[in-house]
N, C-alpha and C. Protein backbone atom coordinates (compact mmCIF):
# COMPACT_ATOMS: atom_id res chain seq x y z
N MET A 1 0.85 -1.17 0.00
CA MET A 1 0.00 0.00 0.00
C MET A 1 0.89 1.23 0.00
N PRO A 2 0.62 2.18 -0.90
CA PRO A 2 1.47 3.37 -0.95
C PRO A 2 1.23 4.26 0.27
N ASP A 3 2.28 5.00 0.60
CA ASP A 3 2.19 5.91 1.73
C ASP A 3 1.31 7.10 1.35
N LEU A 4 0.67 7.70 2.33
CA LEU A 4 -0.20 8.84 2.08
C LEU A 4 0.61 10.13 1.92
N THR A 5 0.04 11.05 1.16
CA THR A 5 0.67 12.35 1.01
C THR A 5 0.30 13.21 2.21
N GLU A 6 0.96 14.36 2.32
CA GLU A 6 0.66 15.27 3.43
C GLU A 6 -0.80 15.74 3.38
N GLU A 7 -1.31 15.95 2.17
CA GLU A 7 -2.70 16.41 2.03
C GLU A 7 -3.66 15.31 2.48
N GLU A 8 -3.35 14.06 2.15
CA GLU A 8 -4.21 12.95 2.57
C GLU A 8 -4.17 12.76 4.08
N TYR A 9 -2.97 12.90 4.67
CA TYR A 9 -2.87 12.84 6.12
C TYR A 9 -3.70 13.94 6.77
N ALA A 10 -3.61 15.15 6.22
CA ALA A 10 -4.35 16.27 6.77
C ALA A 10 -5.86 16.05 6.66
N ALA A 11 -6.29 15.49 5.52
CA ALA A 11 -7.73 15.24 5.32
C ALA A 11 -8.23 14.19 6.31
N LEU A 12 -7.45 13.12 6.51
CA LEU A 12 -7.86 12.10 7.48
C LEU A 12 -7.86 12.64 8.90
N ASP A 13 -6.86 13.44 9.23
CA ASP A 13 -6.80 14.04 10.56
C ASP A 13 -8.01 14.92 10.80
N GLU A 14 -8.36 15.72 9.80
CA GLU A 14 -9.51 16.61 9.94
C GLU A 14 -10.81 15.81 10.07
N LYS A 15 -10.93 14.76 9.26
CA LYS A 15 -12.15 13.94 9.30
C LYS A 15 -12.35 13.33 10.69
N TRP A 16 -11.30 12.69 11.24
CA TRP A 16 -11.45 12.00 12.52
C TRP A 16 -11.42 12.95 13.70
N THR A 17 -10.88 14.15 13.52
CA THR A 17 -10.93 15.14 14.59
C THR A 17 -12.33 15.72 14.71
N LYS A 18 -12.95 15.99 13.57
CA LYS A 18 -14.30 16.56 13.58
C LYS A 18 -15.38 15.51 13.82
N ASN A 19 -15.12 14.26 13.46
CA ASN A 19 -16.10 13.18 13.59
C ASN A 19 -15.49 11.98 14.29
N PRO A 20 -15.21 12.09 15.57
CA PRO A 20 -14.59 10.94 16.26
C PRO A 20 -15.59 9.79 16.37
N PRO A 21 -15.08 8.55 16.37
CA PRO A 21 -15.99 7.41 16.57
C PRO A 21 -16.65 7.51 17.93
N LYS A 22 -17.91 7.19 17.97
CA LYS A 22 -18.67 7.30 19.21
C LYS A 22 -19.00 5.91 19.76
N PRO A 23 -18.32 5.50 20.82
CA PRO A 23 -18.68 4.22 21.41
C PRO A 23 -20.04 4.32 22.09
N GLY A 24 -20.80 3.30 21.99
CA GLY A 24 -22.12 3.31 22.59
C GLY A 24 -22.24 2.27 23.70
N PRO A 25 -23.20 2.44 24.56
CA PRO A 25 -23.41 1.46 25.62
C PRO A 25 -24.10 0.21 25.08
N ASN A 26 -23.88 -0.90 25.72
CA ASN A 26 -24.60 -2.14 25.42
C ASN A 26 -24.44 -2.61 23.98
N GLY A 27 -23.23 -2.50 23.45
CA GLY A 27 -22.98 -3.04 22.12
C GLY A 27 -23.46 -2.21 20.97
N THR A 28 -23.66 -0.93 21.14
CA THR A 28 -24.13 -0.10 20.05
C THR A 28 -23.00 0.67 19.38
N GLY A 29 -21.77 0.52 19.86
CA GLY A 29 -20.63 1.22 19.27
C GLY A 29 -20.10 0.50 18.04
N PHE A 30 -19.19 1.16 17.36
CA PHE A 30 -18.64 0.64 16.11
C PHE A 30 -17.99 -0.73 16.28
N PHE A 31 -17.08 -0.86 17.25
CA PHE A 31 -16.36 -2.11 17.41
C PHE A 31 -17.27 -3.24 17.88
N ALA A 32 -18.22 -2.94 18.73
CA ALA A 32 -19.15 -3.96 19.20
C ALA A 32 -20.03 -4.45 18.05
N GLN A 33 -20.47 -3.53 17.20
CA GLN A 33 -21.31 -3.92 16.06
C GLN A 33 -20.50 -4.73 15.06
N ARG A 34 -19.23 -4.35 14.85
CA ARG A 34 -18.40 -5.10 13.92
C ARG A 34 -18.14 -6.51 14.46
N LYS A 35 -17.87 -6.61 15.76
CA LYS A 35 -17.63 -7.92 16.36
C LYS A 35 -18.88 -8.80 16.23
N ALA A 36 -20.05 -8.22 16.44
CA ALA A 36 -21.29 -8.98 16.32
C ALA A 36 -21.52 -9.43 14.88
N ALA A 37 -21.21 -8.57 13.92
CA ALA A 37 -21.38 -8.93 12.51
C ALA A 37 -20.43 -10.05 12.12
N LEU A 38 -19.19 -9.99 12.59
CA LEU A 38 -18.23 -11.05 12.28
C LEU A 38 -18.62 -12.36 12.96
N ALA A 39 -19.16 -12.28 14.17
CA ALA A 39 -19.59 -13.48 14.87
C ALA A 39 -20.76 -14.14 14.15
N ALA A 40 -21.63 -13.32 13.56
CA ALA A 40 -22.78 -13.87 12.84
C ALA A 40 -22.33 -14.59 11.58
N GLN A 41 -21.20 -14.17 11.00
CA GLN A 41 -20.69 -14.80 9.79
C GLN A 41 -19.84 -16.03 10.08
N SER A 42 -19.36 -16.15 11.28
CA SER A 42 -18.45 -17.25 11.59
C SER A 42 -19.20 -18.57 11.67
N ALA A 43 -18.44 -19.62 11.57
CA ALA A 43 -19.03 -20.96 11.61
C ALA A 43 -18.55 -21.70 12.84
N ARG A 44 -19.19 -22.79 13.14
CA ARG A 44 -18.78 -23.64 14.25
C ARG A 44 -17.88 -24.75 13.72
N SER A 45 -16.98 -25.19 14.54
CA SER A 45 -16.09 -26.29 14.17
C SER A 45 -16.73 -27.61 14.56
N ILE A 46 -16.53 -28.61 13.72
CA ILE A 46 -16.98 -29.96 14.04
C ILE A 46 -15.82 -30.91 13.77
N THR A 47 -15.87 -32.06 14.36
CA THR A 47 -14.85 -33.07 14.14
C THR A 47 -15.43 -34.19 13.29
N VAL A 48 -14.69 -34.57 12.26
CA VAL A 48 -15.11 -35.67 11.40
C VAL A 48 -13.98 -36.68 11.33
N ASP A 49 -14.32 -37.90 10.95
CA ASP A 49 -13.28 -38.92 10.82
C ASP A 49 -12.46 -38.68 9.56
N SER A 50 -11.36 -39.38 9.42
CA SER A 50 -10.45 -39.13 8.31
C SER A 50 -11.08 -39.50 6.97
N PHE A 51 -11.90 -40.55 6.93
CA PHE A 51 -12.57 -40.93 5.69
C PHE A 51 -13.47 -39.80 5.19
N THR A 52 -14.26 -39.22 6.10
CA THR A 52 -15.16 -38.12 5.75
C THR A 52 -14.38 -36.90 5.31
N ALA A 53 -13.31 -36.59 6.02
CA ALA A 53 -12.49 -35.44 5.68
C ALA A 53 -11.87 -35.61 4.29
N ASP A 54 -11.38 -36.81 4.00
CA ASP A 54 -10.81 -37.08 2.67
C ASP A 54 -11.86 -36.96 1.59
N TYR A 55 -13.05 -37.51 1.85
CA TYR A 55 -14.14 -37.44 0.88
C TYR A 55 -14.48 -35.98 0.57
N LEU A 56 -14.64 -35.17 1.60
CA LEU A 56 -14.97 -33.76 1.40
C LEU A 56 -13.85 -33.03 0.66
N PHE A 57 -12.62 -33.34 1.02
CA PHE A 57 -11.46 -32.70 0.39
C PHE A 57 -11.43 -32.99 -1.10
N TYR A 58 -11.54 -34.27 -1.49
CA TYR A 58 -11.45 -34.63 -2.90
C TYR A 58 -12.67 -34.20 -3.70
N LYS A 59 -13.83 -34.24 -3.07
CA LYS A 59 -15.04 -33.76 -3.74
C LYS A 59 -14.94 -32.25 -3.99
N ALA A 60 -14.39 -31.51 -3.02
CA ALA A 60 -14.22 -30.07 -3.18
C ALA A 60 -13.22 -29.75 -4.28
N ILE A 61 -12.14 -30.54 -4.35
CA ILE A 61 -11.14 -30.30 -5.40
C ILE A 61 -11.74 -30.53 -6.78
N THR A 62 -12.46 -31.63 -6.95
CA THR A 62 -13.02 -31.94 -8.27
C THR A 62 -14.11 -30.94 -8.67
N ALA A 63 -14.82 -30.38 -7.70
CA ALA A 63 -15.89 -29.42 -8.00
C ALA A 63 -15.39 -27.97 -8.01
N HIS A 64 -14.11 -27.77 -7.70
CA HIS A 64 -13.53 -26.43 -7.61
C HIS A 64 -14.29 -25.56 -6.61
N LYS A 65 -14.56 -26.14 -5.44
CA LYS A 65 -15.26 -25.47 -4.37
C LYS A 65 -14.51 -25.70 -3.07
N THR A 66 -14.99 -25.10 -2.01
CA THR A 66 -14.40 -25.35 -0.69
C THR A 66 -15.17 -26.47 -0.01
N PRO A 67 -14.54 -27.15 0.95
CA PRO A 67 -15.29 -28.17 1.69
C PRO A 67 -16.54 -27.60 2.36
N ALA A 68 -16.47 -26.34 2.80
CA ALA A 68 -17.65 -25.71 3.41
C ALA A 68 -18.79 -25.58 2.41
N ASP A 69 -18.45 -25.28 1.15
CA ASP A 69 -19.49 -25.20 0.12
C ASP A 69 -20.14 -26.56 -0.11
N ILE A 70 -19.33 -27.60 -0.13
CA ILE A 70 -19.84 -28.95 -0.34
C ILE A 70 -20.78 -29.34 0.80
N ILE A 71 -20.37 -29.08 2.03
CA ILE A 71 -21.21 -29.40 3.18
C ILE A 71 -22.50 -28.59 3.13
N GLY A 72 -22.40 -27.31 2.78
CA GLY A 72 -23.59 -26.47 2.68
C GLY A 72 -24.58 -27.00 1.67
N GLU A 73 -24.07 -27.44 0.51
CA GLU A 73 -24.95 -28.01 -0.50
C GLU A 73 -25.61 -29.29 -0.01
N MET A 74 -24.84 -30.13 0.69
CA MET A 74 -25.40 -31.38 1.22
C MET A 74 -26.51 -31.09 2.22
N VAL A 75 -26.29 -30.12 3.07
CA VAL A 75 -27.30 -29.77 4.08
C VAL A 75 -28.54 -29.21 3.40
N GLN A 76 -28.36 -28.34 2.40
CA GLN A 76 -29.50 -27.78 1.69
C GLN A 76 -30.33 -28.87 1.01
N LYS A 77 -29.65 -29.87 0.43
CA LYS A 77 -30.37 -30.99 -0.20
C LYS A 77 -31.17 -31.77 0.84
N GLU A 78 -30.58 -32.01 2.00
CA GLU A 78 -31.28 -32.73 3.06
C GLU A 78 -32.51 -31.94 3.54
N ILE A 79 -32.35 -30.65 3.70
CA ILE A 79 -33.48 -29.82 4.15
C ILE A 79 -34.59 -29.82 3.09
N ALA A 80 -34.20 -29.68 1.82
CA ALA A 80 -35.19 -29.68 0.74
C ALA A 80 -35.91 -31.03 0.68
N ALA A 81 -35.19 -32.11 0.90
CA ALA A 81 -35.82 -33.43 0.86
C ALA A 81 -36.78 -33.64 2.03
N ALA A 82 -36.49 -33.00 3.14
CA ALA A 82 -37.33 -33.15 4.32
C ALA A 82 -38.63 -32.34 4.22
N LEU A 83 -38.63 -31.36 3.35
CA LEU A 83 -39.83 -30.50 3.22
C LEU A 83 -40.81 -31.06 2.29
């Protein structure tokens, strides 16, 4: 990333001096909201046996997808079949 010029530094300084981030109580501040958004996107870890892990790995490689995509598709098929 290129370094900023003096004018860009001055513009950023002016922006954050005039509009400082406002932390809020009970998770309404910027960092709390960002942490909550990232937590909502995160996934849970599960443990699988080596056969299952290998199957997912090779299926993902042949489909040019991630193992998470493969698992997601499998779950969606199961849910659709149950409905």
